[in-house]
Amino acid sequence: MRVITYGTFDTLHYGHILLLERAKAMGDYLIVGLSSDEFNETKGKKANFDYQTRKKLLQSLRCVDLIIPENTWEQKTHDIQKYKADIFTMGSDWEGKFDELKQYCEVRYLPRTPRISSTAIREVMVK
């Protein structure tokens, strides 16, 4: 089974790693759509690390098999079909936002890791 997920994965942390490991455990091949710098700009996000640095960090994780650039919200349907994904998964903070993808594959939302988030880490880094 092929699993696909998406994210910016800036300030990669324990919660991200757990999410990616749980995603990988759903199948035998994990595809990560990594938000490009340009796409983050359209979302109003400014990552601390550029795309290539974030990609290198993800490549160091054994659970990640393939990293593809995420350039638009709309590309998910195309990616699911192109990479023959059986399961689309995201963190529970996205619950319900991608239910329209159920016509292409199974959609699962994973619970977040308590007491950790990129936002909380950035707030501590600024202090």
Protein backbone atom coordinates (compact mmCIF):
# COMPACT_ATOMS: atom_id res chain seq x y z
CA MET A 1 0.00 0.00 0.00
CA ARG A 2 1.19 3.48 -0.89
CA VAL A 3 0.59 6.34 1.54
CA ILE A 4 0.82 10.05 0.72
CA THR A 5 0.95 13.06 3.02
CA TYR A 6 1.82 16.75 2.71
CA GLY A 7 3.40 19.47 4.77
CA THR A 8 5.95 22.22 5.10
CA PHE A 9 7.99 20.33 7.74
CA ASP A 10 9.85 23.46 8.79
CA THR A 11 11.38 23.14 12.24
CA LEU A 12 11.14 19.34 11.90
CA HIS A 13 10.30 17.95 15.35
CA TYR A 14 9.29 14.85 17.27
CA GLY A 15 5.60 15.31 16.39
CA HIS A 16 6.41 15.38 12.66
CA ILE A 17 8.55 12.27 12.97
CA LEU A 18 5.81 10.39 14.83
CA LEU A 19 3.25 11.45 12.21
CA LEU A 20 5.50 10.28 9.37
CA GLU A 21 6.26 6.98 11.12
CA ARG A 22 2.53 6.36 11.71
CA ALA A 23 1.83 7.21 8.07
CA LYS A 24 4.50 4.77 6.90
CA ALA A 25 3.06 2.05 9.17
CA MET A 26 -0.21 2.25 7.18
CA GLY A 27 1.56 0.88 4.12
CA ASP A 28 4.92 -0.01 2.70
CA TYR A 29 5.77 3.14 0.73
CA LEU A 30 5.50 6.73 2.02
CA ILE A 31 5.33 9.70 -0.33
CA VAL A 32 5.73 13.16 1.21
CA GLY A 33 4.52 16.22 -0.65
CA LEU A 34 6.82 18.96 0.63
CA SER A 35 5.48 22.51 0.27
CA SER A 36 7.70 24.57 -2.02
CA ASP A 37 8.93 27.98 -0.93
CA GLU A 38 6.70 29.61 -3.54
CA PHE A 39 3.63 27.68 -2.38
CA ASN A 40 4.33 28.66 1.24
CA GLU A 41 4.37 32.31 0.13
CA THR A 42 0.87 31.93 -1.36
CA LYS A 43 -0.25 30.50 2.01
CA GLY A 44 1.28 33.47 3.84
CA LYS A 45 3.96 31.26 5.44
CA LYS A 46 7.66 32.02 5.66
CA ALA A 47 9.70 28.93 6.44
CA ASN A 48 12.90 29.19 8.47
CA PHE A 49 14.57 26.74 6.08
CA ASP A 50 14.39 26.69 2.29
CA TYR A 51 12.88 23.81 0.31
CA GLN A 52 16.21 22.05 -0.35
CA THR A 53 17.18 22.11 3.34
CA ARG A 54 13.77 20.83 4.43
CA LYS A 55 13.98 18.12 1.77
CA LYS A 56 17.41 16.99 3.04
CA LEU A 57 16.03 16.75 6.58
CA LEU A 58 13.14 14.56 5.40
CA GLN A 59 15.47 12.41 3.28
CA SER A 60 17.37 11.51 6.45
CA LEU A 61 14.29 9.75 7.84
CA ARG A 62 14.09 6.01 7.14
CA CYS A 63 10.30 6.11 6.94
CA VAL A 64 10.23 8.49 3.94
CA ASP A 65 10.54 6.79 0.54
CA LEU A 66 9.84 9.65 -1.88
CA ILE A 67 9.62 13.44 -1.60
CA ILE A 68 7.74 15.44 -4.21
CA PRO A 69 7.24 19.21 -4.37
CA GLU A 70 3.84 20.56 -3.37
CA ASN A 71 3.15 23.63 -5.48
CA THR A 72 -0.65 24.04 -5.22
CA TRP A 73 -3.58 22.91 -3.08
CA GLU A 74 -5.20 21.37 -6.14
CA GLN A 75 -2.38 18.99 -7.08
CA LYS A 76 -3.30 16.37 -4.47
CA THR A 77 -5.80 14.59 -6.75
CA HIS A 78 -3.22 14.43 -9.55
CA ASP A 79 -0.51 13.17 -7.17
CA ILE A 80 -2.76 10.46 -5.71
CA GLN A 81 -3.43 9.17 -9.21
CA LYS A 82 0.12 9.61 -10.55
CA TYR A 83 1.79 7.87 -7.62
CA LYS A 84 -1.04 5.33 -7.16
CA ALA A 85 -1.57 6.24 -3.51
CA ASP A 86 -3.97 4.00 -1.59
CA ILE A 87 -4.14 6.22 1.52
CA PHE A 88 -3.99 9.99 1.95
CA THR A 89 -3.22 11.09 5.50
CA MET A 90 -2.78 14.36 7.38
CA GLY A 91 -2.71 15.48 11.00
CA SER A 92 -6.01 15.81 12.82
CA ASP A 93 -5.74 19.60 12.68
CA TRP A 94 -6.84 19.14 9.02
CA GLU A 95 -9.81 16.89 9.94
CA GLY A 96 -12.51 17.06 7.24
CA LYS A 97 -10.60 19.45 4.97
CA PHE A 98 -9.63 16.78 2.44
CA ASP A 99 -12.66 14.49 2.54
CA GLU A 100 -13.29 15.13 -1.18
CA LEU A 101 -10.23 12.95 -1.86
CA LYS A 102 -12.17 9.89 -0.62
CA GLN A 103 -13.31 9.34 -4.20
CA TYR A 104 -9.67 8.56 -5.13
CA CYS A 105 -8.31 6.76 -2.06
CA GLU A 106 -8.83 6.21 1.64
CA VAL A 107 -8.45 9.40 3.73
CA ARG A 108 -7.19 9.21 7.33
CA TYR A 109 -6.50 11.96 9.85
CA LEU A 110 -3.91 11.19 12.50
CA PRO A 111 -4.00 12.61 16.04
CA ARG A 112 -1.41 15.26 16.79
CA THR A 113 1.33 14.68 19.32
CA PRO A 114 0.27 16.42 22.57
CA ARG A 115 2.20 19.48 23.76
CA ILE A 116 4.34 19.97 20.64
CA SER A 117 3.85 22.03 17.52
CA SER A 118 5.90 24.06 15.08
CA THR A 119 4.13 27.20 16.30
CA ALA A 120 5.13 26.52 19.92
CA ILE A 121 8.74 25.87 18.89
CA ARG A 122 8.90 29.11 16.87
CA GLU A 123 7.49 31.07 19.81
CA VAL A 124 10.24 29.72 22.10
CA MET A 125 12.92 30.44 19.47
CA VAL A 126 11.84 34.09 19.24
CA LYS A 127 12.08 34.70 22.99
